[in-house]
Amino acid sequence: MSLICSCMRYLYSYIFIINMMKIQFIEILFVSLVVSCSSHDGKNKTESLVEEDSIVRISIPDVLKEEKVELNLSGEADKIDIVPLETTGQSLLSTIVDVFITDKEIFIWDLKNGIFRFSHDGTFLNKIGKRGQGPGEYLYVNQLIVDQDKVLISEAGKGSSATRRIHVYDFQGQFLQTILTPKLFVGTLGTLLFFNDEKFAVDPIAVFDDFRKNYWTVALLDSSFNIKKEFYNPSFKGREKDIWENRSLSYGWKNFWEESGPFISIYKKDMHVCFYQEDTVYLYDKIEKELKPKYILNMGNKPAFETSHQFIKDLSFFKYICLYNIYETQENFYFVCTRGDKLYNIRYSKKSGETFISKRQAVLREKSLPGSPGFILRSYDFRRLTLKNDLCGGDFYVRFTPSDKYWVSVIEPSKIEDLMEEIKNGRVKSEELKREFIKKLDMMKEEDNPILLIVTLK
């Protein structure tokens, strides 16, 4: 089975952007389908009626008024594994950037120390490649991809951030080849996505190279990484000149534009895409090679395009409802939103049409921009799906989605003290799992590698 590369959660030093969306009913009417108005009754049921493909309309402001409940992990999990990653002189981790999981292995991209391979029980197996400028070596990891029986390490091409040098290894770390892609990306945040047997490039706007002046966000690629088809954020239409003029830091931080996303969820054979500042969640049609509307979200009032794309955001921006992430499971679809100092996890039942919502505290971080003390970077501290871990205790935050089969949460040694009391006092479905979790946390030392909680989805 092909493994899927989720879009990178690349840690770019200054990009701390939140994402906003709001429905624009008139702009959606280009769709040839006939969609009825949605209703939201006392049972929290969202109804849609269409003649052909099913399109679901959800009013997020109405959902936020509903009674808040706990959303439990057990409804999505087939099982959960508690995996302490072995700590040795060769496997010491600093900051985990990304995780990939196969049926037998765990691959870790560490920001400082490169790529590591562990077994499913957390035993360290080997490193993949090493830093350097020789054959099979890399200076800077841009992305980790695990595809079938190969490990791909992507780094920005020498002399141009538009290309990618893809170093290919086997699972034992043996270097096989380096592939140089054509010019694709306009900044350092562009990533590759492997979905089933197709390849995509994903490229949010940022600092633009001069070679490209068309602003696709997602592009379908051929086997040689050449573009076959481009997919555009609809909100860019008519703003191409403004985007170009605000593309570069040479114009100053105040006028610098960028965006986050797109938000992509892959589950089984389905890929959903939601563009930044847009209200529609699209489903990729593998036969027609098209993005077709699946969910239409009414996000309420939203800021102007210029305000939402400003790198240095005003405090007023955060009073709006912002969509950050989407997740599909066997029975549900999740939307993660913020407004003010609240984080909302919304679950939509694909079978019944009901919506359920949980509320948590959101922390807005502020940081002065180095060299420009008058500019304050603002972003939420955490904006991923968080469910009550009723399997072994505490909260389960979905930090990584390494394939359509797994969710991963990371327990750092520094967080154990705060977490332990919550776990001990919480109610769970398996007291045996809870005792195992507590035992492994008790054995954890400050200098140890993290513990992974790996959920196998239903």
Protein backbone atom coordinates (compact mmCIF):
# COMPACT_ATOMS: atom_id res chain seq x y z
CA MET A 1 0.00 0.00 0.00
CA SER A 2 1.31 3.36 -0.89
CA LEU A 3 2.05 5.56 2.05
CA ILE A 4 0.94 9.11 2.07
CA CYS A 5 2.98 12.19 2.61
CA SER A 6 0.98 14.72 4.57
CA CYS A 7 1.75 18.35 3.96
CA MET A 8 4.73 19.52 5.96
CA ARG A 9 4.39 21.22 9.24
CA TYR A 10 7.62 23.01 8.36
CA LEU A 11 8.99 25.14 11.22
CA TYR A 12 9.93 28.36 9.53
CA SER A 13 11.47 30.78 12.01
CA TYR A 14 9.15 33.73 11.64
CA ILE A 15 6.03 32.30 10.08
CA PHE A 16 3.47 32.13 12.85
CA ILE A 17 0.24 32.63 10.93
CA ILE A 18 -3.30 31.80 11.76
CA ASN A 19 -5.93 31.08 9.21
CA MET A 20 -9.32 32.67 8.62
CA MET A 21 -12.35 31.62 6.68
CA LYS A 22 -15.89 32.81 6.04
CA ILE A 23 -18.68 31.69 3.73
CA GLN A 24 -19.50 33.71 0.61
CA PHE A 25 -22.67 32.17 -0.69
CA ILE A 26 -22.74 34.02 -4.02
CA GLU A 27 -19.22 32.91 -4.95
CA ILE A 28 -20.15 29.28 -4.30
CA LEU A 29 -23.01 29.25 -6.80
CA PHE A 30 -20.69 28.42 -9.69
CA VAL A 31 -21.15 24.80 -8.73
CA SER A 32 -23.57 22.99 -11.01
CA LEU A 33 -25.13 21.09 -8.13
CA VAL A 34 -28.33 22.26 -6.49
CA VAL A 35 -27.87 22.65 -2.75
CA SER A 36 -30.63 23.28 -0.26
CA CYS A 37 -30.26 25.65 2.65
CA SER A 38 -28.84 24.00 5.75
CA SER A 39 -30.81 23.75 8.97
CA HIS A 40 -29.54 23.43 12.50
CA ASP A 41 -32.22 22.23 14.88
CA GLY A 42 -32.19 21.43 18.57
CA LYS A 43 -30.54 18.08 17.85
CA ASN A 44 -27.55 19.84 16.31
CA LYS A 45 -28.29 18.26 12.93
CA THR A 46 -26.97 19.77 9.71
CA GLU A 47 -29.09 18.77 6.73
CA SER A 48 -28.29 19.11 3.06
CA LEU A 49 -30.30 18.12 0.02
CA VAL A 50 -28.70 17.90 -3.42
CA GLU A 51 -29.59 16.18 -6.65
CA GLU A 52 -26.26 14.45 -7.28
CA ASP A 53 -23.09 14.59 -5.19
CA SER A 54 -23.69 15.34 -1.53
CA ILE A 55 -22.59 18.80 -0.39
CA VAL A 56 -22.86 19.60 3.33
CA ARG A 57 -23.43 23.17 4.51
CA ILE A 58 -22.47 24.03 8.09
CA SER A 59 -22.92 27.35 9.87
CA ILE A 60 -19.94 27.57 12.21
CA PRO A 61 -21.31 30.55 14.26
CA ASP A 62 -24.42 28.47 14.99
CA VAL A 63 -22.34 25.46 15.98
CA LEU A 64 -20.32 27.60 18.40
CA LYS A 65 -23.54 28.38 20.29
CA GLU A 66 -24.24 24.71 20.95
CA GLU A 67 -23.72 23.01 24.30
CA LYS A 68 -20.07 22.04 24.73
CA VAL A 69 -19.23 18.35 25.30
CA GLU A 70 -16.12 16.20 25.63
CA LEU A 71 -15.06 14.61 22.35
CA ASN A 72 -13.52 11.23 23.20
CA LEU A 73 -10.67 9.50 21.41
CA SER A 74 -12.16 6.02 21.75
CA GLY A 75 -14.71 6.69 19.03
CA GLU A 76 -11.92 7.00 16.45
CA ALA A 77 -9.31 4.55 17.73
CA ASP A 78 -8.95 0.90 16.90
CA LYS A 79 -6.07 0.79 19.40
CA ILE A 80 -3.45 3.00 21.06
CA ASP A 81 0.24 2.17 21.58
CA ILE A 82 2.43 3.85 24.21
CA VAL A 83 5.92 3.98 22.69
CA PRO A 84 8.96 5.39 24.57
CA LEU A 85 11.62 6.17 21.94
CA GLU A 86 14.93 4.60 22.97
CA THR A 87 17.53 7.12 24.09
CA THR A 88 21.13 6.36 23.11
CA GLY A 89 24.14 8.40 22.10
CA GLN A 90 23.17 7.82 18.48
CA SER A 91 19.43 8.43 18.78
CA LEU A 92 19.15 11.57 20.92
CA LEU A 93 16.33 13.84 19.72
CA SER A 94 15.93 17.59 20.20
CA THR A 95 12.79 18.80 18.42
CA ILE A 96 10.55 16.43 16.45
CA VAL A 97 9.45 18.07 13.20
CA ASP A 98 7.61 15.18 11.57
CA VAL A 99 6.77 11.49 12.05
CA PHE A 100 6.07 8.73 9.52
CA ILE A 101 4.85 5.27 10.45
CA THR A 102 4.83 2.06 8.43
CA ASP A 103 3.54 -1.34 9.50
CA LYS A 104 6.85 -2.09 11.24
CA GLU A 105 8.85 1.15 11.59
CA ILE A 106 8.68 4.68 12.97
CA PHE A 107 10.63 7.40 11.14
CA ILE A 108 11.45 10.63 13.00
CA TRP A 109 12.65 13.89 11.48
CA ASP A 110 14.51 15.77 14.20
CA LEU A 111 15.20 19.44 13.58
CA LYS A 112 18.78 19.32 14.84
CA ASN A 113 19.93 15.75 14.32
CA GLY A 114 18.37 14.49 11.07
CA ILE A 115 16.32 11.39 10.28
CA PHE A 116 15.97 8.38 12.63
CA ARG A 117 14.39 4.95 12.26
CA PHE A 118 12.84 3.12 15.23
CA SER A 119 10.90 -0.11 15.56
CA HIS A 120 7.25 -0.06 16.62
CA ASP A 121 8.26 -0.73 20.22
CA GLY A 122 10.59 2.30 20.17
CA THR A 123 13.93 0.47 19.72
CA PHE A 124 16.44 2.59 17.80
CA LEU A 125 17.42 0.93 14.51
CA ASN A 126 19.49 3.37 12.43
CA LYS A 127 19.85 6.89 11.06
CA ILE A 128 19.02 7.79 7.45
CA GLY A 129 21.76 9.74 5.66
CA LYS A 130 23.89 12.40 7.30
CA ARG A 131 24.62 16.10 7.07
CA GLY A 132 27.26 17.19 4.57
CA GLN A 133 27.79 18.16 0.94
CA GLY A 134 28.92 14.83 -0.49
CA PRO A 135 26.87 12.24 -2.43
CA GLY A 136 23.85 11.18 -0.43
CA GLU A 137 24.40 13.92 2.16
CA TYR A 138 22.19 16.89 2.92
CA LEU A 139 22.75 20.28 4.51
CA TYR A 140 19.18 21.15 5.40
CA VAL A 141 16.07 18.97 5.50
CA ASN A 142 13.03 20.57 3.91
CA GLN A 143 10.76 17.52 4.09
CA LEU A 144 10.67 13.84 5.02
CA ILE A 145 8.69 11.42 2.83
CA VAL A 146 8.32 7.67 3.29
CA ASP A 147 6.98 6.03 0.13
CA GLN A 148 6.57 2.27 0.05
CA ASP A 149 10.05 0.89 0.85
CA LYS A 150 11.99 4.12 0.27
CA VAL A 151 12.87 7.14 2.41
CA LEU A 152 12.99 10.47 0.60
CA ILE A 153 14.73 13.48 2.14
CA SER A 154 13.97 16.74 0.34
CA GLU A 155 16.10 19.87 0.61
CA ALA A 156 16.02 23.17 -1.28
CA GLY A 157 18.07 22.99 -4.46
CA LYS A 158 21.50 24.58 -4.52
CA GLY A 159 21.27 28.14 -5.76
CA SER A 160 17.45 28.18 -5.94
CA SER A 161 14.64 27.57 -3.46
CA ALA A 162 12.38 26.83 -6.45
CA THR A 163 13.80 23.33 -6.95
CA ARG A 164 14.10 20.39 -4.58
CA ARG A 165 16.97 17.89 -4.30
CA ILE A 166 15.35 14.59 -3.29
CA HIS A 167 17.80 12.14 -1.74
CA VAL A 168 16.50 8.56 -1.87
CA TYR A 169 17.52 5.86 0.67
CA ASP A 170 16.41 2.38 1.62
CA PHE A 171 15.14 1.73 5.16
CA GLN A 172 18.61 0.69 6.35
CA GLY A 173 19.94 4.13 5.36
CA GLN A 174 21.75 3.06 2.20
CA PHE A 175 21.89 5.96 -0.28
CA LEU A 176 20.32 5.13 -3.67
CA GLN A 177 20.07 8.30 -5.77
CA THR A 178 19.38 12.05 -5.85
CA ILE A 179 16.54 13.49 -7.95
CA LEU A 180 16.45 17.17 -8.91
CA THR A 181 12.94 18.50 -9.47
CA PRO A 182 12.07 21.22 -12.01
CA LYS A 183 11.44 24.72 -10.72
CA LEU A 184 8.19 24.47 -8.75
CA PHE A 185 8.18 26.53 -5.59
CA VAL A 186 8.22 30.25 -4.89
CA GLY A 187 9.59 30.01 -1.37
CA THR A 188 11.06 27.64 1.18
CA LEU A 189 7.68 26.42 2.48
CA GLY A 190 6.68 24.46 -0.62
CA THR A 191 6.31 20.71 -0.12
CA LEU A 192 5.57 17.55 -2.06
CA LEU A 193 2.60 15.31 -1.33
CA PHE A 194 2.26 11.67 -2.37
CA PHE A 195 -1.35 10.46 -2.48
CA ASN A 196 -1.90 6.88 -3.59
CA ASP A 197 -0.06 6.72 -6.92
CA GLU A 198 -0.18 10.49 -7.62
CA LYS A 199 2.20 13.31 -6.72
CA PHE A 200 1.33 16.91 -5.85
CA ALA A 201 3.21 20.13 -5.10
CA VAL A 202 1.80 22.34 -2.34
CA ASP A 203 2.99 25.95 -2.24
CA PRO A 204 1.44 28.72 -0.10
CA ILE A 205 2.41 32.24 -1.14
CA ALA A 206 5.46 33.66 0.62
CA VAL A 207 8.68 35.26 -0.68
CA PHE A 208 8.37 34.90 -4.42
CA ASP A 209 11.05 34.05 -6.93
CA ASP A 210 10.72 35.99 -10.17
CA PHE A 211 10.39 32.88 -12.35
CA ARG A 212 6.72 32.33 -11.51
CA LYS A 213 3.87 34.83 -11.52
CA ASN A 214 0.89 32.49 -11.47
CA TYR A 215 -0.34 31.69 -8.02
CA TRP A 216 -1.47 28.09 -7.86
CA THR A 217 -1.51 26.61 -4.37
CA VAL A 218 -1.74 22.91 -5.28
CA ALA A 219 -0.44 21.32 -8.49
CA LEU A 220 -0.77 17.78 -9.83
CA LEU A 221 2.61 16.44 -11.01
CA ASP A 222 3.73 13.74 -13.40
CA SER A 223 6.32 11.06 -12.55
CA SER A 224 9.15 13.51 -13.36
CA PHE A 225 7.66 16.22 -11.08
CA ASN A 226 6.49 18.38 -13.98
CA ILE A 227 3.19 20.20 -13.49
CA LYS A 228 0.19 18.55 -15.17
CA LYS A 229 -2.61 20.63 -13.61
CA GLU A 230 -2.85 23.64 -11.30
CA PHE A 231 -5.39 24.34 -8.56
CA TYR A 232 -5.94 27.92 -7.40
CA ASN A 233 -7.19 29.51 -4.22
CA PRO A 234 -10.40 31.23 -5.46
CA SER A 235 -9.77 34.27 -3.24
CA PHE A 236 -6.69 35.13 -5.36
CA LYS A 237 -8.82 35.99 -8.38
CA GLY A 238 -8.48 39.67 -9.24
CA ARG A 239 -5.72 40.18 -6.66
CA GLU A 240 -2.75 38.89 -8.65
CA LYS A 241 -1.14 42.35 -9.00
CA ASP A 242 -1.46 43.09 -5.27
CA ILE A 243 -0.04 39.69 -4.35
CA TRP A 244 2.94 40.24 -6.61
CA GLU A 245 3.64 43.70 -5.19
CA ASN A 246 3.50 42.42 -1.60
CA ARG A 247 5.47 39.23 -2.17
CA SER A 248 8.92 40.27 -0.97
CA LEU A 249 10.50 41.34 2.29
CA SER A 250 12.28 44.07 0.34
CA TYR A 251 9.02 46.00 0.64
CA GLY A 252 9.30 45.83 4.43
CA TRP A 253 7.68 43.68 7.11
CA LYS A 254 4.60 45.90 7.29
CA ASN A 255 3.67 45.26 3.67
CA PHE A 256 4.79 41.63 3.49
CA TRP A 257 2.01 39.16 2.64
CA GLU A 258 1.97 35.44 3.23
CA GLU A 259 -0.55 32.71 3.94
CA SER A 260 -0.89 29.44 5.78
CA GLY A 261 -2.37 26.17 4.62
CA PRO A 262 -3.79 24.80 2.53
CA PHE A 263 -5.39 22.38 4.97
CA ILE A 264 -5.29 18.85 3.62
CA SER A 265 -6.80 15.70 5.11
CA ILE A 266 -6.17 12.24 3.68
CA TYR A 267 -8.15 9.21 4.83
CA LYS A 268 -8.37 5.91 2.96
CA LYS A 269 -8.87 6.83 -0.70
CA ASP A 270 -10.11 10.39 -0.13
CA MET A 271 -8.17 13.66 -0.11
CA HIS A 272 -9.90 16.83 1.13
CA VAL A 273 -8.44 20.30 0.55
CA CYS A 274 -9.42 23.65 2.06
CA PHE A 275 -7.65 26.80 0.85
CA TYR A 276 -6.66 29.62 3.18
CA GLN A 277 -9.32 32.34 3.46
CA GLU A 278 -11.88 30.12 1.72
CA ASP A 279 -15.10 28.54 2.95
CA THR A 280 -15.23 25.36 0.88
CA VAL A 281 -13.67 22.00 1.68
CA TYR A 282 -13.04 20.23 -1.62
CA LEU A 283 -12.85 16.50 -2.33
CA TYR A 284 -10.30 15.44 -4.95
CA ASP A 285 -11.92 13.48 -7.78
CA LYS A 286 -9.29 10.92 -8.82
CA ILE A 287 -10.97 10.16 -12.14
CA GLU A 288 -11.65 13.69 -13.38
CA LYS A 289 -8.60 15.18 -11.61
CA GLU A 290 -10.73 17.93 -10.15
CA LEU A 291 -11.41 19.45 -6.72
CA LYS A 292 -15.15 19.28 -6.09
CA PRO A 293 -16.99 20.98 -3.20
CA LYS A 294 -17.88 18.66 -0.32
CA TYR A 295 -18.36 20.92 2.73
CA ILE A 296 -19.39 24.58 2.61
CA LEU A 297 -18.73 26.46 5.85
CA ASN A 298 -20.38 29.69 6.90
CA MET A 299 -17.66 31.29 9.05
CA GLY A 300 -19.54 34.51 9.81
CA ASN A 301 -17.85 37.89 9.44
CA LYS A 302 -14.27 37.92 8.24
CA PRO A 303 -11.50 40.52 7.86
CA ALA A 304 -10.40 42.00 4.57
CA PHE A 305 -8.06 39.96 2.38
CA GLU A 306 -5.24 42.43 3.04
CA THR A 307 -5.65 42.06 6.81
CA SER A 308 -5.79 38.26 6.81
CA HIS A 309 -2.65 37.98 4.65
CA GLN A 310 -0.58 40.54 6.54
CA PHE A 311 2.48 38.96 8.13
CA ILE A 312 2.35 41.38 11.09
CA LYS A 313 -1.25 40.95 12.24
CA ASP A 314 -3.24 43.42 14.30
CA LEU A 315 -4.95 42.18 17.47
CA SER A 316 -8.34 42.85 15.88
CA PHE A 317 -7.68 39.99 13.45
CA PHE A 318 -8.03 37.42 16.22
CA LYS A 319 -11.61 38.33 17.10
CA TYR A 320 -12.80 36.48 13.98
CA ILE A 321 -13.48 32.77 13.65
CA CYS A 322 -10.40 31.14 12.17
CA LEU A 323 -10.24 27.65 10.64
CA TYR A 324 -6.90 25.91 11.23
CA ASN A 325 -7.19 22.21 10.44
CA ILE A 326 -9.46 19.51 9.04
CA TYR A 327 -9.45 15.77 9.77
CA GLU A 328 -11.49 12.91 8.31
CA THR A 329 -12.10 9.58 10.03
CA GLN A 330 -14.30 6.59 9.27
CA GLU A 331 -17.46 8.11 10.75
CA ASN A 332 -16.70 11.81 11.29
CA PHE A 333 -15.18 14.96 9.88
CA TYR A 334 -13.44 17.41 12.24
CA PHE A 335 -12.93 21.16 11.94
CA VAL A 336 -10.56 23.01 14.31
CA CYS A 337 -11.33 26.70 14.81
CA THR A 338 -10.32 29.55 17.09
CA ARG A 339 -11.95 32.81 18.13
CA GLY A 340 -10.45 35.12 20.69
CA ASP A 341 -9.00 33.06 23.52
CA LYS A 342 -10.95 29.87 22.68
CA LEU A 343 -10.07 26.78 20.63
CA TYR A 344 -13.04 24.83 19.24
CA ASN A 345 -12.99 21.22 18.03
CA ILE A 346 -16.07 20.52 15.91
CA ARG A 347 -17.11 16.98 15.00
CA TYR A 348 -19.54 16.41 12.15
CA SER A 349 -21.12 12.95 11.91
CA LYS A 350 -21.10 11.82 8.29
CA LYS A 351 -23.91 9.37 9.01
CA SER A 352 -26.39 11.37 11.12
CA GLY A 353 -25.49 14.95 10.15
CA GLU A 354 -25.17 15.93 13.82
CA THR A 355 -22.48 18.29 15.07
CA PHE A 356 -20.74 18.21 18.43
CA ILE A 357 -18.30 20.77 19.82
CA SER A 358 -15.71 20.95 22.58
CA LYS A 359 -14.10 24.16 23.87
CA ARG A 360 -10.60 24.67 25.23
CA GLN A 361 -8.43 27.61 26.19
CA ALA A 362 -6.36 29.12 23.38
CA VAL A 363 -3.16 31.00 24.15
CA LEU A 364 -2.16 33.90 21.89
CA ARG A 365 1.61 34.32 21.87
CA GLU A 366 3.30 37.64 21.11
CA LYS A 367 6.93 38.04 20.12
CA SER A 368 8.92 41.06 18.98
CA LEU A 369 10.41 40.70 15.53
CA PRO A 370 14.24 40.67 15.80
CA GLY A 371 15.64 43.96 14.55
CA SER A 372 12.15 45.50 14.36
CA PRO A 373 10.88 45.97 17.93
CA GLY A 374 7.87 47.92 16.72
CA PHE A 375 6.49 44.82 14.98
CA ILE A 376 4.85 42.13 17.09
CA LEU A 377 4.40 38.59 15.74
CA ARG A 378 1.17 37.06 17.03
CA SER A 379 0.05 33.46 16.75
CA TYR A 380 -1.88 30.85 18.72
CA ASP A 381 0.23 28.51 20.80
CA PHE A 382 -1.67 25.40 19.73
CA ARG A 383 -4.21 24.79 16.98
CA ARG A 384 -4.58 21.09 16.35
CA LEU A 385 -7.38 18.64 17.05
CA THR A 386 -7.49 17.73 20.75
CA LEU A 387 -9.64 14.88 22.08
CA LYS A 388 -10.13 13.49 25.58
CA ASN A 389 -7.92 10.41 25.83
CA ASP A 390 -10.43 8.07 27.46
CA LEU A 391 -8.24 5.08 26.55
CA CYS A 392 -5.25 5.65 28.86
CA GLY A 393 -5.67 9.15 30.28
CA GLY A 394 -5.07 12.86 29.71
CA ASP A 395 -5.65 14.70 26.46
CA PHE A 396 -4.68 13.43 23.02
CA TYR A 397 -3.59 16.22 20.69
CA VAL A 398 -3.13 15.18 17.08
CA ARG A 399 0.36 16.51 16.47
CA PHE A 400 1.09 14.37 13.40
CA THR A 401 -1.03 12.50 10.85
CA PRO A 402 1.68 10.30 9.24
CA SER A 403 -0.75 8.41 7.00
CA ASP A 404 -4.43 7.65 6.61
CA LYS A 405 -4.01 5.00 9.29
CA TYR A 406 -2.36 6.71 12.27
CA TRP A 407 -2.58 9.72 14.57
CA VAL A 408 0.41 10.60 16.75
CA SER A 409 0.69 12.63 19.96
CA VAL A 410 4.04 13.44 21.60
CA ILE A 411 4.71 13.44 25.35
CA GLU A 412 7.82 15.49 26.21
CA PRO A 413 9.69 14.84 29.48
CA SER A 414 9.12 18.45 30.55
CA LYS A 415 5.32 17.95 30.45
CA ILE A 416 5.10 14.86 32.67
CA GLU A 417 4.52 16.62 35.99
CA ASP A 418 1.47 18.53 34.72
CA LEU A 419 0.14 15.48 32.90
CA MET A 420 0.50 12.89 35.65
CA GLU A 421 -2.16 14.23 38.02
CA GLU A 422 -4.66 14.56 35.18
CA ILE A 423 -4.03 10.95 34.12
CA LYS A 424 -4.29 9.55 37.66
CA ASN A 425 -7.60 11.32 38.36
CA GLY A 426 -9.18 10.73 34.96
CA ARG A 427 -11.68 8.04 34.02
CA VAL A 428 -10.62 5.69 31.22
CA LYS A 429 -11.97 2.63 29.44
CA SER A 430 -8.88 0.53 30.22
CA GLU A 431 -7.34 0.67 33.70
CA GLU A 432 -4.63 -1.69 32.46
CA LEU A 433 -3.60 0.76 29.74
CA LYS A 434 -3.71 3.59 32.27
CA ARG A 435 -1.35 1.74 34.61
CA GLU A 436 1.02 1.01 31.70
CA PHE A 437 0.99 4.70 30.73
CA ILE A 438 1.71 5.83 34.30
CA LYS A 439 4.51 3.28 34.66
CA LYS A 440 6.25 4.45 31.48
CA LEU A 441 5.89 8.08 32.50
CA ASP A 442 7.36 7.30 35.94
CA MET A 443 10.40 5.69 34.28
CA MET A 444 10.99 8.68 32.03
CA LYS A 445 14.01 10.89 32.78
CA GLU A 446 14.45 14.54 31.92
CA GLU A 447 17.12 13.77 29.29
CA ASP A 448 15.12 10.96 27.64
CA ASN A 449 13.52 11.01 24.22
CA PRO A 450 9.76 11.65 24.11
CA ILE A 451 7.01 9.05 24.38
CA LEU A 452 4.79 8.65 21.32
CA LEU A 453 1.10 7.86 21.67
CA ILE A 454 0.21 6.17 18.39
CA VAL A 455 -3.47 5.71 17.56
CA THR A 456 -4.44 3.24 14.86
CA LEU A 457 -7.62 4.63 13.34
CA LYS A 458 -10.72 2.53 12.71
